[in-house]
Protein backbone atom coordinates (compact mmCIF):
# COMPACT_ATOMS: atom_id res chain seq x y z
CA MET A 1 -6.24 11.87 3.40
CA ASP A 2 -5.90 14.36 0.48
CA PHE A 3 -1.91 11.96 -0.50
CA THR A 4 -4.13 8.75 -0.22
CA ASN A 5 -5.95 10.48 -3.01
CA THR A 6 -3.69 12.17 -5.36
CA THR A 7 -0.72 10.25 -4.58
CA LEU A 8 -0.76 6.46 -3.37
CA MET A 9 -4.48 5.09 -4.41
CA GLN A 10 -3.50 5.82 -8.68
CA PRO A 11 -0.25 3.71 -8.59
CA PHE A 12 -0.95 1.66 -6.47
CA VAL A 13 -3.94 -0.14 -7.88
CA GLY A 14 -2.07 0.33 -11.32
CA VAL A 15 0.76 -2.09 -9.38
CA PHE A 16 -2.35 -4.24 -8.15
CA PHE A 17 -3.95 -4.47 -11.55
CA GLN A 18 -0.94 -6.03 -13.46
CA VAL A 19 0.67 -8.20 -10.59
CA VAL A 20 -2.88 -9.92 -9.56
CA ARG A 21 -5.83 -8.09 -11.68
CA PHE A 22 -4.71 -9.27 -15.42
CA PRO A 23 -3.65 -12.81 -16.16
CA PRO A 24 -0.34 -12.99 -17.33
CA GLU A 25 -0.41 -12.82 -20.33
CA GLU A 26 -2.15 -9.44 -20.48
CA ARG A 27 0.46 -8.29 -18.78
CA SER A 28 2.81 -5.55 -19.36
CA PHE A 29 6.05 -5.22 -17.83
CA SER A 30 6.48 -1.69 -18.37
CA VAL A 31 3.23 -0.53 -17.53
CA LEU A 32 4.17 -2.04 -13.54
CA GLU A 33 7.48 -0.42 -13.68
CA LYS A 34 6.21 3.45 -14.17
CA HIS A 35 4.05 2.62 -11.46
CA LEU A 36 5.79 0.79 -9.56
CA LYS A 37 8.34 3.76 -9.65
CA ARG A 38 5.22 6.49 -8.81
CA LEU A 39 4.34 4.19 -5.88
CA HIS A 40 7.36 3.96 -4.85
CA ALA A 41 8.20 7.81 -4.46
CA ALA A 42 4.99 7.99 -2.96
CA LEU A 43 5.94 5.45 -0.13
CA ASP A 44 9.32 6.81 0.14
CA VAL A 45 7.03 10.67 1.52
CA MET A 46 5.45 8.26 4.28
CA GLU A 47 8.95 6.72 5.24
CA GLY A 48 9.95 10.08 5.09
CA ARG A 49 7.07 11.42 7.80
CA LEU A 50 6.84 7.85 9.33
CA THR A 51 10.28 8.12 11.15
CA ARG A 52 9.05 12.00 12.51
CA SER A 53 6.44 9.72 14.35
CA MET A 54 4.53 6.82 14.80
CA TRP A 55 1.48 8.03 12.71
CA LEU A 56 0.76 9.38 9.66
CA GLY A 57 -0.68 12.46 11.21
CA GLY A 58 1.89 12.74 14.85
CA GLU A 59 1.91 10.32 17.44
CA ALA A 60 -2.13 9.85 17.21
CA PHE A 61 -4.06 7.67 15.21
CA THR A 62 -6.07 9.99 12.10
CA LEU A 63 -8.32 9.46 9.29
CA ALA A 64 -4.95 9.77 7.81
CA ASP A 65 -3.64 6.47 9.11
CA ILE A 66 -6.96 4.79 8.29
CA ALA A 67 -6.82 6.41 4.44
CA ALA A 68 -3.57 4.92 3.54
CA GLY A 69 -3.16 1.97 5.64
CA ALA A 70 -6.28 0.35 3.29
CA PRO A 71 -3.84 -1.07 0.81
CA MET A 72 -1.21 -1.13 2.93
CA PHE A 73 -2.27 -5.55 3.21
CA ARG A 74 -2.40 -5.54 0.12
CA TYR A 75 1.08 -4.33 -0.75
CA HIS A 76 2.45 -6.27 1.66
CA ASP A 77 1.06 -9.46 0.17
CA ILE A 78 1.43 -9.16 -3.70
CA GLY A 79 4.72 -10.39 -5.11
CA ILE A 80 6.86 -8.20 -6.02
CA GLU A 81 9.76 -6.67 -4.58
CA ARG A 82 9.72 -3.67 -1.47
CA PRO A 83 12.11 -1.70 -0.83
CA GLU A 84 13.21 -1.99 3.50
CA ARG A 85 11.16 0.94 5.14
CA PRO A 86 11.89 0.62 8.93
CA ALA A 87 9.46 2.78 9.80
CA LEU A 88 6.83 2.66 6.85
CA LEU A 89 6.76 -2.01 7.81
CA ALA A 90 7.22 -0.71 12.03
CA TRP A 91 3.32 0.79 11.41
CA TYR A 92 1.99 -1.13 8.87
CA GLN A 93 2.86 -3.94 12.22
CA ARG A 94 0.92 -1.77 14.18
CA LEU A 95 -1.98 -1.33 11.93
CA THR A 96 -1.92 -4.74 11.51
CA GLU A 97 -2.68 -5.14 15.73
CA ARG A 98 -5.84 -2.81 15.53
CA GLY A 99 -8.39 -5.31 15.23
CA ALA A 100 -10.78 -3.66 12.33
CA PHE A 101 -7.28 -3.14 10.47
CA ARG A 102 -7.55 -7.07 10.18
CA ALA A 103 -11.14 -7.50 10.17
CA ASN A 104 -11.64 -4.82 7.56
CA VAL A 105 -8.81 -4.51 5.50
CA MET A 106 -7.16 -7.77 6.22
CA THR A 107 -9.34 -9.79 3.76
CA SER A 108 -9.34 -12.11 0.96
CA TYR A 109 -8.93 -10.77 -2.50
CA ASP A 110 -8.83 -14.16 -4.32
CA GLU A 111 -12.08 -13.26 -5.94
CA LEU A 112 -10.37 -9.95 -7.61
CA ARG A 113 -7.67 -12.79 -9.46
CA PRO A 114 -8.81 -13.53 -13.50
CA SER A 115 -9.68 -17.13 -13.34
């Protein structure tokens, strides 16, 4: 969970704001690139971990998966290029099979887009 708070969320939120929250005229490609670089580094760490186990904490679903899984729906839904990370994608697909994930995470965020 510490990894999510200290390493994953800050660049994810930066990317999300640049791609979704800010109107196009307020977006900065250089800021987006900075956040994407840090986000990709964090996701590479997750990919490495997930090549060794089904879940982030090992072979059982844990709080680590809940915390890191929360931004993954939006990460996979927003219009950005995503490098191939097969273990991360398989993990995300396992998350989407969970009813609680679908009901509580895979929700509309249209109200967060600029009007």
